[in-house]
Structures are given as structure tokens and as C-alpha cells.
Amino acid sequence: MRWPYLIPIGVLALIGAVLALGLRNGDPTRVPSPLINKPAPAFSVTRVFKPKQHFSRATLKGHVSVLNVWASWCVSCKDEHPVLLALADRNLVPVYGLDYKDTRAAARQWLQSRGDPYTAVGFDPDGSVGLNFGVYGVPETYVIDARGIIRRKFIGPLTPHKLNHTLIPLIERLKAQQGQTG
């Protein structure tokens, strides 16, 4: 009569094995995005520093670019910021920002005090543009090719390792393809 107790133990062991396998093989920073290899969503927002000018999907076309979604209230964005400054210093591609669910004044102050790595920064106070990009939380970074196609999404802060071993090689490959195709 001891076998009825073995059924719940076996079920729990099976669930534990499935969870352990998923954690071992999964990378939480690589959540699949349905937008990979698809055009960036249409959007048009005002800019943080120049509110009479717009930042839109058209801004991202014609060159390989990086779009970083961030906010002044984001703790991880503070950790990531030196990496973005280093990327901008390399002058490989335009680095654009999208200020997510923030205030214009806070974003301006944050960039003025820490340095501004962005070619332009769009202002997304209600998060609607971020939602269309599938933002789970900030920071998130997208690599967009010259045709406006999203080629990679990074969830969480960029690190020097991600920058040097994943992001920059991808940018260089996309730029080489752009040169080959026109």
C-alpha cells in the first residue's frame, strides 16, 4: 500500500526535471520577438530635446542603426549607459534612443548629467511606441538594418561583452551586406 505515495513524488520529480531543463537551456535575455526579421513598427513621436521635430520609423531607414529604449527612472539603464556611450564613441552606426514612460524634463536632465550617446531621442510618455515594439521592460535595444528591418533584440542592459562579442559583429555584418546590396 505504499505505492499510492509514489505517484505524487513521481509527478513532482517530472515537473522538477522539466523546469530544470528549461532553465539550463534558456537564456532569459533572449526572449523571442515576433518582430525579428520584420519591419520596425510605424511610429512618429516628438524628440526629447527638440519637441517641434519628429522621430519616426523613417529616421531609422537608409542605414544600419541601433534603437535603445530607456528611461530616467530605470536603474539598469544607469548601468548600461557607459556601454552606450562607448558604442556612440566608435561612430559605427547612429544610436537612437526612445525615452519610455518618462517625463521630458527628467529625460533631459538625465542625459545632460550623464552624457548623451544618442543621435536623436524620441519621447514616448505613454509607452505606446514601446508597446508596438514589444517592449517587456527597459532597457531594451534593437538592431535595425538599412531597410528598417529589426534584426536583433537585446533585453536588459547591454554589457561590454554583449557589445564587443554580439552587437558590434552584427552591425559590421549588416553594414557589409548593405554595401553589397546597394
C-alpha atoms as a PDB file:
ATOM      1  CA  MET A   1       0.000   0.000   0.000  1.00  0.00           C
ATOM      2  CA  ARG A   2       2.986   2.294  -0.234  1.00  0.00           C
ATOM      3  CA  TRP A   3       2.735   2.764  -4.000  1.00  0.00           C
ATOM      4  CA  PRO A   4      -0.026   5.496  -3.869  1.00  0.00           C
ATOM      5  CA  TYR A   5       2.543   7.795  -2.248  1.00  0.00           C
ATOM      6  CA  LEU A   6       4.955   7.262  -5.116  1.00  0.00           C
ATOM      7  CA  ILE A   7       2.612   8.825  -7.699  1.00  0.00           C
ATOM      8  CA  PRO A   8       2.792  12.410  -6.305  1.00  0.00           C
ATOM      9  CA  ILE A   9       6.531  12.078  -5.775  1.00  0.00           C
ATOM     10  CA  GLY A  10       6.967  10.916  -9.378  1.00  0.00           C
ATOM     11  CA  VAL A  11       4.835  13.778 -10.715  1.00  0.00           C
ATOM     12  CA  LEU A  12       6.840  16.330  -8.699  1.00  0.00           C
ATOM     13  CA  ALA A  13      10.107  14.826  -9.915  1.00  0.00           C
ATOM     14  CA  LEU A  14       8.915  15.053 -13.526  1.00  0.00           C
ATOM     15  CA  ILE A  15       7.874  18.707 -13.113  1.00  0.00           C
ATOM     16  CA  GLY A  16      11.207  19.491 -11.471  1.00  0.00           C
ATOM     17  CA  ALA A  17      13.118  17.860 -14.328  1.00  0.00           C
ATOM     18  CA  VAL A  18      11.186  19.844 -16.959  1.00  0.00           C
ATOM     19  CA  LEU A  19      11.784  23.128 -15.112  1.00  0.00           C
ATOM     20  CA  ALA A  20      15.484  22.392 -14.622  1.00  0.00           C
ATOM     21  CA  LEU A  21      15.893  21.545 -18.299  1.00  0.00           C
ATOM     22  CA  GLY A  22      14.170  24.782 -19.322  1.00  0.00           C
ATOM     23  CA  LEU A  23      16.347  26.894 -17.030  1.00  0.00           C
ATOM     24  CA  ARG A  24      19.535  25.181 -18.144  1.00  0.00           C
ATOM     25  CA  ASN A  25      18.856  25.655 -21.856  1.00  0.00           C
ATOM     26  CA  GLY A  26      17.048  29.001 -21.727  1.00  0.00           C
ATOM     27  CA  ASP A  27      18.626  32.434 -21.819  1.00  0.00           C
ATOM     28  CA  PRO A  28      16.259  34.893 -20.134  1.00  0.00           C
ATOM     29  CA  THR A  29      17.824  37.795 -22.051  1.00  0.00           C
ATOM     30  CA  ARG A  30      16.852  36.206 -25.387  1.00  0.00           C
ATOM     31  CA  VAL A  31      13.083  36.270 -25.281  1.00  0.00           C
ATOM     32  CA  PRO A  32      11.938  35.624 -28.839  1.00  0.00           C
ATOM     33  CA  SER A  33      10.356  38.593 -30.547  1.00  0.00           C
ATOM     34  CA  PRO A  34       7.784  38.219 -33.299  1.00  0.00           C
ATOM     35  CA  LEU A  35       9.257  41.370 -34.878  1.00  0.00           C
ATOM     36  CA  ILE A  36      12.643  39.848 -35.711  1.00  0.00           C
ATOM     37  CA  ASN A  37      13.140  39.980 -39.500  1.00  0.00           C
ATOM     38  CA  LYS A  38      10.069  42.212 -39.859  1.00  0.00           C
ATOM     39  CA  PRO A  39       9.831  45.972 -40.460  1.00  0.00           C
ATOM     40  CA  ALA A  40      10.031  48.217 -37.422  1.00  0.00           C
ATOM     41  CA  PRO A  41       6.538  49.343 -36.412  1.00  0.00           C
ATOM     42  CA  ALA A  42       5.299  52.635 -37.816  1.00  0.00           C
ATOM     43  CA  PHE A  43       5.582  55.464 -35.306  1.00  0.00           C
ATOM     44  CA  SER A  44       6.132  59.183 -35.051  1.00  0.00           C
ATOM     45  CA  VAL A  45       6.930  60.960 -31.797  1.00  0.00           C
ATOM     46  CA  THR A  46       8.439  64.273 -30.824  1.00  0.00           C
ATOM     47  CA  ARG A  47      12.064  64.490 -29.771  1.00  0.00           C
ATOM     48  CA  VAL A  48      13.164  64.968 -26.180  1.00  0.00           C
ATOM     49  CA  PHE A  49      15.418  67.954 -26.855  1.00  0.00           C
ATOM     50  CA  LYS A  50      13.648  69.334 -29.931  1.00  0.00           C
ATOM     51  CA  PRO A  51       9.901  68.888 -29.325  1.00  0.00           C
ATOM     52  CA  LYS A  52       8.989  70.554 -32.619  1.00  0.00           C
ATOM     53  CA  GLN A  53      10.922  67.882 -34.537  1.00  0.00           C
ATOM     54  CA  HIS A  54       9.741  64.326 -35.015  1.00  0.00           C
ATOM     55  CA  PHE A  55      11.449  60.988 -34.627  1.00  0.00           C
ATOM     56  CA  SER A  56       9.859  58.219 -36.715  1.00  0.00           C
ATOM     57  CA  ARG A  57      10.401  54.926 -38.458  1.00  0.00           C
ATOM     58  CA  ALA A  58      11.660  56.903 -41.472  1.00  0.00           C
ATOM     59  CA  THR A  59      14.539  58.159 -39.287  1.00  0.00           C
ATOM     60  CA  LEU A  60      15.738  54.567 -38.927  1.00  0.00           C
ATOM     61  CA  LYS A  61      15.805  53.767 -42.655  1.00  0.00           C
ATOM     62  CA  GLY A  62      18.722  54.117 -45.041  1.00  0.00           C
ATOM     63  CA  HIS A  63      21.420  52.957 -42.617  1.00  0.00           C
ATOM     64  CA  VAL A  64      22.047  50.263 -40.038  1.00  0.00           C
ATOM     65  CA  SER A  65      21.067  51.685 -36.661  1.00  0.00           C
ATOM     66  CA  VAL A  66      20.614  50.866 -33.004  1.00  0.00           C
ATOM     67  CA  LEU A  67      17.456  51.836 -31.104  1.00  0.00           C
ATOM     68  CA  ASN A  68      17.760  51.814 -27.320  1.00  0.00           C
ATOM     69  CA  VAL A  69      14.590  52.014 -25.221  1.00  0.00           C
ATOM     70  CA  TRP A  70      15.373  53.546 -21.824  1.00  0.00           C
ATOM     71  CA  ALA A  71      14.016  55.777 -19.041  1.00  0.00           C
ATOM     72  CA  SER A  72      15.458  58.093 -16.418  1.00  0.00           C
ATOM     73  CA  TRP A  73      13.765  56.057 -13.660  1.00  0.00           C
ATOM     74  CA  CYS A  74      15.374  52.804 -14.844  1.00  0.00           C
ATOM     75  CA  VAL A  75      18.123  51.517 -12.533  1.00  0.00           C
ATOM     76  CA  SER A  76      19.537  49.093 -15.146  1.00  0.00           C
ATOM     77  CA  CYS A  77      19.700  51.926 -17.682  1.00  0.00           C
ATOM     78  CA  LYS A  78      22.259  53.637 -15.433  1.00  0.00           C
ATOM     79  CA  ASP A  79      24.439  50.526 -15.587  1.00  0.00           C
ATOM     80  CA  GLU A  80      24.034  50.286 -19.363  1.00  0.00           C
ATOM     81  CA  HIS A  81      24.701  53.961 -20.112  1.00  0.00           C
ATOM     82  CA  PRO A  82      28.536  53.779 -20.225  1.00  0.00           C
ATOM     83  CA  VAL A  83      28.239  50.953 -22.776  1.00  0.00           C
ATOM     84  CA  LEU A  84      26.013  53.122 -24.979  1.00  0.00           C
ATOM     85  CA  LEU A  85      28.484  55.995 -24.678  1.00  0.00           C
ATOM     86  CA  ALA A  86      31.265  53.614 -25.776  1.00  0.00           C
ATOM     87  CA  LEU A  87      29.181  52.436 -28.739  1.00  0.00           C
ATOM     88  CA  ALA A  88      28.460  56.024 -29.782  1.00  0.00           C
ATOM     89  CA  ASP A  89      32.172  56.889 -29.475  1.00  0.00           C
ATOM     90  CA  ARG A  90      33.004  54.182 -32.029  1.00  0.00           C
ATOM     91  CA  ASN A  91      30.824  56.018 -34.570  1.00  0.00           C
ATOM     92  CA  LEU A  92      29.855  52.752 -36.304  1.00  0.00           C
ATOM     93  CA  VAL A  93      26.138  53.492 -36.604  1.00  0.00           C
ATOM     94  CA  PRO A  94      23.646  56.049 -35.384  1.00  0.00           C
ATOM     95  CA  VAL A  95      22.438  55.197 -31.897  1.00  0.00           C
ATOM     96  CA  TYR A  96      18.873  56.365 -31.326  1.00  0.00           C
ATOM     97  CA  GLY A  97      17.027  56.497 -28.051  1.00  0.00           C
ATOM     98  CA  LEU A  98      13.381  56.100 -27.159  1.00  0.00           C
ATOM     99  CA  ASP A  99      12.543  57.605 -23.752  1.00  0.00           C
ATOM    100  CA  TYR A 100       9.860  55.275 -22.388  1.00  0.00           C
ATOM    101  CA  LYS A 101       7.092  56.237 -19.914  1.00  0.00           C
ATOM    102  CA  ASP A 102       9.050  59.189 -18.601  1.00  0.00           C
ATOM    103  CA  THR A 103       8.869  62.953 -18.409  1.00  0.00           C
ATOM    104  CA  ARG A 104      10.672  65.153 -20.890  1.00  0.00           C
ATOM    105  CA  ALA A 105      12.304  67.175 -18.088  1.00  0.00           C
ATOM    106  CA  ALA A 106      13.632  64.061 -16.322  1.00  0.00           C
ATOM    107  CA  ALA A 107      14.987  62.641 -19.592  1.00  0.00           C
ATOM    108  CA  ARG A 108      16.738  65.898 -20.469  1.00  0.00           C
ATOM    109  CA  GLN A 109      18.298  66.203 -17.027  1.00  0.00           C
ATOM    110  CA  TRP A 110      19.409  62.570 -17.065  1.00  0.00           C
ATOM    111  CA  LEU A 111      21.148  62.908 -20.446  1.00  0.00           C
ATOM    112  CA  GLN A 112      22.691  66.279 -19.602  1.00  0.00           C
ATOM    113  CA  SER A 113      24.201  64.916 -16.392  1.00  0.00           C
ATOM    114  CA  ARG A 114      25.394  61.523 -17.736  1.00  0.00           C
ATOM    115  CA  GLY A 115      26.192  62.323 -21.359  1.00  0.00           C
ATOM    116  CA  ASP A 116      24.077  61.858 -24.459  1.00  0.00           C
ATOM    117  CA  PRO A 117      25.075  58.947 -26.709  1.00  0.00           C
ATOM    118  CA  TYR A 118      22.054  59.353 -28.980  1.00  0.00           C
ATOM    119  CA  THR A 119      21.835  60.805 -32.475  1.00  0.00           C
ATOM    120  CA  ALA A 120      18.203  61.619 -31.601  1.00  0.00           C
ATOM    121  CA  VAL A 121      15.877  60.695 -28.753  1.00  0.00           C
ATOM    122  CA  GLY A 122      12.167  60.117 -29.244  1.00  0.00           C
ATOM    123  CA  PHE A 123       9.749  60.851 -26.429  1.00  0.00           C
ATOM    124  CA  ASP A 124       7.232  58.083 -25.634  1.00  0.00           C
ATOM    125  CA  PRO A 125       5.473  59.304 -22.463  1.00  0.00           C
ATOM    126  CA  ASP A 126       2.627  56.776 -22.522  1.00  0.00           C
ATOM    127  CA  GLY A 127       4.712  53.833 -23.742  1.00  0.00           C
ATOM    128  CA  SER A 128       2.619  53.249 -26.873  1.00  0.00           C
ATOM    129  CA  VAL A 129       5.607  53.119 -29.236  1.00  0.00           C
ATOM    130  CA  GLY A 130       7.440  50.793 -26.872  1.00  0.00           C
ATOM    131  CA  LEU A 131       4.362  48.589 -26.720  1.00  0.00           C
ATOM    132  CA  ASN A 132       4.302  48.355 -30.528  1.00  0.00           C
ATOM    133  CA  PHE A 133       7.957  47.254 -30.437  1.00  0.00           C
ATOM    134  CA  GLY A 134       7.063  44.586 -27.885  1.00  0.00           C
ATOM    135  CA  VAL A 135       8.996  46.150 -25.021  1.00  0.00           C
ATOM    136  CA  TYR A 136       8.831  43.977 -21.903  1.00  0.00           C
ATOM    137  CA  GLY A 137      10.733  46.461 -19.749  1.00  0.00           C
ATOM    138  CA  VAL A 138      13.611  48.858 -20.056  1.00  0.00           C
ATOM    139  CA  PRO A 139      16.289  48.782 -21.180  1.00  0.00           C
ATOM    140  CA  GLU A 140      15.818  47.022 -24.480  1.00  0.00           C
ATOM    141  CA  THR A 141      17.910  47.505 -27.587  1.00  0.00           C
ATOM    142  CA  TYR A 142      17.106  46.779 -31.223  1.00  0.00           C
ATOM    143  CA  VAL A 143      19.440  46.470 -34.197  1.00  0.00           C
ATOM    144  CA  ILE A 144      17.705  47.663 -37.348  1.00  0.00           C
ATOM    145  CA  ASP A 145      19.088  47.213 -40.857  1.00  0.00           C
ATOM    146  CA  ALA A 146      19.154  49.839 -43.622  1.00  0.00           C
ATOM    147  CA  ARG A 147      15.733  48.721 -44.911  1.00  0.00           C
ATOM    148  CA  GLY A 148      14.158  49.283 -41.493  1.00  0.00           C
ATOM    149  CA  ILE A 149      14.002  45.575 -40.626  1.00  0.00           C
ATOM    150  CA  ILE A 150      14.554  44.561 -36.994  1.00  0.00           C
ATOM    151  CA  ARG A 151      17.422  42.066 -36.935  1.00  0.00           C
ATOM    152  CA  ARG A 152      18.040  41.596 -33.204  1.00  0.00           C
ATOM    153  CA  LYS A 153      16.523  42.470 -29.856  1.00  0.00           C
ATOM    154  CA  PHE A 154      18.530  42.655 -26.638  1.00  0.00           C
ATOM    155  CA  ILE A 155      16.551  42.519 -23.403  1.00  0.00           C
ATOM    156  CA  GLY A 156      18.157  44.038 -20.341  1.00  0.00           C
ATOM    157  CA  PRO A 157      21.237  46.196 -20.146  1.00  0.00           C
ATOM    158  CA  LEU A 158      23.940  45.921 -22.765  1.00  0.00           C
ATOM    159  CA  THR A 159      27.254  44.885 -21.274  1.00  0.00           C
ATOM    160  CA  PRO A 160      30.761  45.369 -22.657  1.00  0.00           C
ATOM    161  CA  HIS A 161      30.784  41.645 -23.509  1.00  0.00           C
ATOM    162  CA  LYS A 162      27.483  41.835 -25.439  1.00  0.00           C
ATOM    163  CA  LEU A 163      28.705  44.977 -27.165  1.00  0.00           C
ATOM    164  CA  ASN A 164      32.009  43.509 -28.321  1.00  0.00           C
ATOM    165  CA  HIS A 165      31.005  39.910 -28.993  1.00  0.00           C
ATOM    166  CA  THR A 166      27.441  40.178 -30.312  1.00  0.00           C
ATOM    167  CA  LEU A 167      26.286  43.707 -31.139  1.00  0.00           C
ATOM    168  CA  ILE A 168      29.312  45.074 -32.989  1.00  0.00           C
ATOM    169  CA  PRO A 169      29.876  41.910 -35.092  1.00  0.00           C
ATOM    170  CA  LEU A 170      26.185  42.018 -36.081  1.00  0.00           C
ATOM    171  CA  ILE A 171      26.431  45.708 -37.004  1.00  0.00           C
ATOM    172  CA  GLU A 172      29.542  45.074 -39.095  1.00  0.00           C
ATOM    173  CA  ARG A 173      27.878  42.149 -40.890  1.00  0.00           C
ATOM    174  CA  LEU A 174      24.758  44.185 -41.641  1.00  0.00           C
ATOM    175  CA  LYS A 175      26.817  47.129 -42.875  1.00  0.00           C
ATOM    176  CA  ALA A 176      28.793  44.807 -45.168  1.00  0.00           C
ATOM    177  CA  GLN A 177      25.528  43.390 -46.555  1.00  0.00           C
ATOM    178  CA  GLN A 178      24.237  46.921 -47.071  1.00  0.00           C
ATOM    179  CA  GLY A 179      27.368  47.751 -49.056  1.00  0.00           C
ATOM    180  CA  GLN A 180      26.929  44.629 -51.196  1.00  0.00           C
ATOM    181  CA  THR A 181      23.281  45.222 -51.974  1.00  0.00           C
ATOM    182  CA  GLY A 182      23.353  48.912 -52.621  1.00  0.00           C
END
